[in-house]
Amino acid sequence: MIGEFDTPFCPKCGAEISPDAVFCPKCGAQIAAAPAPPPRYRGEKEEKSEKGEKLEKHEKHEPGDRTAPLVGGLILIWLGITFYMAQVGYIIWADWWAYFLIGIGVILLIQGAIRYAVSAYRASATGSLIGGTVVLIVGLAGAAGMRNWWWMIFIALGIVIIVSGITARKRTPKP
């Protein structure tokens, strides 16, 4: 580093440099630490390049996966409908959970279908489709009175998912 009394020469190549230089103009060696950017204060905006502003504007208008509010709203609506059905005696309270799961399964399948239809989100459709199918099957089994063996569905589907995950890795070529 060059101080007040140091000679303005590069310690690496010996070229003459200006006293306030950070890098040697001849060899590029660092002479002094790069100056720190001025401090920003609360409320002060950071200056952006024109390219950075264009990218930011593009990101704001880029369509995203908007199925989450749809799913949340549909689940709340279905919850209200099933509560009402149980309250008026259309379904019994002991079976309420099965009908609720049937609706959630259908809602997740709708979400998966929407995601699959939009090619940009096709990869994220798998979880909704699998989850919706599992929940739908459990709900249908409960509504049909098959309450003693529905737990086997979870175990069987878990095994299928593990096996398909393992075989998919074997099919994927290593880099």
Protein backbone atom coordinates (compact mmCIF):
# COMPACT_ATOMS: atom_id res chain seq x y z
CA MET A 1 0.00 0.00 0.00
CA ILE A 2 1.20 3.48 -0.73
CA GLY A 3 1.31 5.84 2.18
CA GLU A 4 2.04 9.54 2.33
CA PHE A 5 5.80 9.03 2.34
CA ASP A 6 6.07 6.00 0.01
CA THR A 7 7.36 6.31 -3.51
CA PRO A 8 4.61 5.87 -6.07
CA PHE A 9 6.04 2.73 -7.70
CA CYS A 10 4.48 -0.71 -8.10
CA PRO A 11 6.08 -3.16 -5.64
CA LYS A 12 5.69 -5.98 -8.19
CA CYS A 13 6.95 -4.53 -11.50
CA GLY A 14 8.42 -1.16 -10.44
CA ALA A 15 6.26 0.91 -12.79
CA GLU A 16 5.44 4.44 -11.71
CA ILE A 17 1.87 4.80 -10.44
CA SER A 18 -0.28 7.63 -9.14
CA PRO A 19 -0.50 7.97 -5.36
CA ASP A 20 -4.24 7.18 -5.32
CA ALA A 21 -3.98 4.10 -7.58
CA VAL A 22 -5.57 0.86 -6.45
CA PHE A 23 -4.07 -1.27 -9.25
CA CYS A 24 -0.83 -0.95 -11.24
CA PRO A 25 -1.58 0.32 -14.76
CA LYS A 26 1.25 -1.84 -16.21
CA CYS A 27 0.95 -5.26 -14.53
CA GLY A 28 -2.45 -5.02 -12.82
CA ALA A 29 -1.15 -5.86 -9.34
CA GLN A 30 -3.28 -4.62 -6.48
CA ILE A 31 -1.55 -1.69 -4.79
CA ALA A 32 -4.14 -0.71 -2.19
CA ALA A 33 -7.40 -2.08 -0.98
CA ALA A 34 -10.33 -1.20 -3.21
CA PRO A 35 -12.28 1.71 -1.83
CA ALA A 36 -15.41 0.70 0.05
CA PRO A 37 -18.70 1.81 -1.47
CA PRO A 38 -20.31 4.74 0.30
CA PRO A 39 -22.70 3.69 3.06
CA ARG A 40 -26.37 3.48 2.20
CA TYR A 41 -28.86 4.89 4.58
CA ARG A 42 -32.33 3.66 5.36
CA GLY A 43 -34.72 4.69 2.60
CA GLU A 44 -31.93 5.39 0.11
CA LYS A 45 -32.38 3.48 -3.14
CA GLU A 46 -29.57 1.51 -4.73
CA GLU A 47 -28.60 2.64 -8.20
CA LYS A 48 -29.24 -0.02 -10.82
CA SER A 49 -27.93 -0.44 -14.29
CA GLU A 50 -30.29 -0.22 -17.22
CA LYS A 51 -29.88 -3.95 -17.87
CA GLY A 52 -30.62 -4.78 -14.22
CA GLU A 53 -33.79 -2.70 -14.34
CA LYS A 54 -34.98 -4.48 -17.48
CA LEU A 55 -34.39 -7.88 -15.87
CA GLU A 56 -36.23 -6.81 -12.74
CA LYS A 57 -39.20 -5.56 -14.74
CA HIS A 58 -39.27 -8.83 -16.67
CA GLU A 59 -39.27 -10.83 -13.42
CA LYS A 60 -42.20 -8.85 -12.05
CA HIS A 61 -44.34 -9.62 -15.10
CA GLU A 62 -43.23 -13.21 -15.51
CA PRO A 63 -46.17 -15.55 -14.98
CA GLY A 64 -45.81 -17.77 -11.94
CA ASP A 65 -47.60 -20.77 -10.56
CA ARG A 66 -50.86 -19.29 -9.37
CA THR A 67 -52.53 -22.54 -8.34
CA ALA A 68 -51.79 -22.11 -4.61
CA PRO A 69 -54.56 -19.52 -3.98
CA LEU A 70 -56.93 -21.65 -6.07
CA VAL A 71 -56.15 -24.75 -4.00
CA GLY A 72 -56.41 -22.90 -0.69
CA GLY A 73 -59.74 -21.33 -1.65
CA LEU A 74 -61.19 -24.60 -2.95
CA ILE A 75 -60.17 -26.45 0.22
CA LEU A 76 -61.92 -23.85 2.39
CA ILE A 77 -65.03 -24.00 0.21
CA TRP A 78 -65.04 -27.81 0.35
CA LEU A 79 -64.58 -27.70 4.13
CA GLY A 80 -67.66 -25.49 4.42
CA ILE A 81 -69.68 -27.71 2.09
CA THR A 82 -68.81 -30.91 3.99
CA PHE A 83 -69.55 -29.26 7.35
CA TYR A 84 -72.92 -28.19 6.00
CA MET A 85 -73.63 -31.70 4.59
CA ALA A 86 -72.86 -33.22 7.99
CA GLN A 87 -74.87 -30.59 9.85
CA VAL A 88 -78.03 -31.16 7.82
CA GLY A 89 -77.66 -34.94 8.00
CA TYR A 90 -76.73 -35.63 4.38
CA ILE A 91 -73.59 -37.41 5.65
CA ILE A 92 -72.91 -38.64 9.16
CA TRP A 93 -70.18 -37.01 11.22
CA ALA A 94 -68.31 -40.32 11.54
CA ASP A 95 -67.88 -40.34 7.74
CA TRP A 96 -67.19 -36.60 7.37
CA TRP A 97 -63.41 -37.08 7.16
CA ALA A 98 -63.72 -39.49 4.22
CA TYR A 99 -65.76 -37.03 2.17
CA PHE A 100 -63.42 -34.21 3.07
CA LEU A 101 -60.44 -36.30 1.88
CA ILE A 102 -62.25 -37.14 -1.37
CA GLY A 103 -62.66 -33.42 -2.06
CA ILE A 104 -59.04 -32.62 -1.20
CA GLY A 105 -57.90 -35.43 -3.49
CA VAL A 106 -59.97 -34.04 -6.36
CA ILE A 107 -58.66 -30.51 -5.70
CA LEU A 108 -55.04 -31.73 -5.76
CA LEU A 109 -55.71 -33.62 -8.99
CA ILE A 110 -57.13 -30.42 -10.51
CA GLN A 111 -53.99 -28.56 -9.40
CA GLY A 112 -51.80 -31.27 -10.94
CA ALA A 113 -53.76 -31.15 -14.20
CA ILE A 114 -53.42 -27.36 -14.39
CA ARG A 115 -49.68 -27.56 -13.69
CA TYR A 116 -49.27 -30.33 -16.25
CA ALA A 117 -51.12 -28.27 -18.86
CA VAL A 118 -48.69 -25.36 -18.34
CA SER A 119 -45.43 -26.77 -19.70
CA ALA A 120 -43.26 -24.53 -17.48
CA TYR A 121 -44.66 -26.22 -14.36
CA ARG A 122 -44.97 -29.77 -15.69
CA ALA A 123 -42.26 -31.06 -13.34
CA SER A 124 -44.13 -29.78 -10.26
CA ALA A 125 -47.36 -31.52 -11.33
CA THR A 126 -46.17 -34.94 -10.18
CA GLY A 127 -46.47 -34.23 -6.46
CA SER A 128 -50.03 -32.91 -6.78
CA LEU A 129 -51.07 -35.81 -8.97
CA ILE A 130 -49.60 -38.46 -6.66
CA GLY A 131 -50.78 -36.75 -3.48
CA GLY A 132 -54.26 -36.16 -4.91
CA THR A 133 -54.54 -39.79 -5.96
CA VAL A 134 -53.48 -41.08 -2.54
CA VAL A 135 -55.85 -38.79 -0.63
CA LEU A 136 -58.70 -39.57 -3.04
CA ILE A 137 -58.21 -43.35 -2.66
CA VAL A 138 -58.12 -43.10 1.13
CA GLY A 139 -61.27 -40.96 1.14
CA LEU A 140 -63.10 -43.32 -1.23
CA ALA A 141 -62.07 -46.32 0.88
CA GLY A 142 -63.35 -44.59 4.03
CA ALA A 143 -66.65 -43.58 2.39
CA ALA A 144 -67.13 -47.14 1.11
CA GLY A 145 -66.79 -48.50 4.64
CA MET A 146 -63.33 -50.01 4.14
CA ARG A 147 -61.84 -48.42 7.24
CA ASN A 148 -59.85 -51.38 8.47
CA TRP A 149 -57.39 -51.67 5.62
CA TRP A 150 -56.92 -48.17 4.17
CA TRP A 151 -53.58 -47.87 5.99
CA MET A 152 -52.30 -50.57 3.61
CA ILE A 153 -52.82 -48.13 0.74
CA PHE A 154 -50.25 -45.78 2.28
CA ILE A 155 -47.71 -48.57 2.70
CA ALA A 156 -48.25 -49.89 -0.84
CA LEU A 157 -48.01 -46.44 -2.42
CA GLY A 158 -44.92 -45.64 -0.36
CA ILE A 159 -43.25 -48.79 -1.68
CA VAL A 160 -44.24 -47.90 -5.25
CA ILE A 161 -42.81 -44.39 -4.88
CA ILE A 162 -39.53 -45.68 -3.42
CA VAL A 163 -39.12 -48.32 -6.13
CA SER A 164 -39.94 -45.87 -8.93
CA GLY A 165 -37.49 -43.34 -7.47
CA ILE A 166 -34.71 -45.92 -7.32
CA THR A 167 -35.34 -47.19 -10.84
CA ALA A 168 -35.52 -43.64 -12.19
CA ARG A 169 -32.03 -42.93 -10.83
CA LYS A 170 -30.68 -46.01 -12.57
CA ARG A 171 -32.14 -44.83 -15.89
CA THR A 172 -30.65 -41.35 -15.52
CA PRO A 173 -27.14 -41.20 -17.03
CA LYS A 174 -24.37 -40.00 -14.76
CA PRO A 175 -22.60 -36.78 -15.80
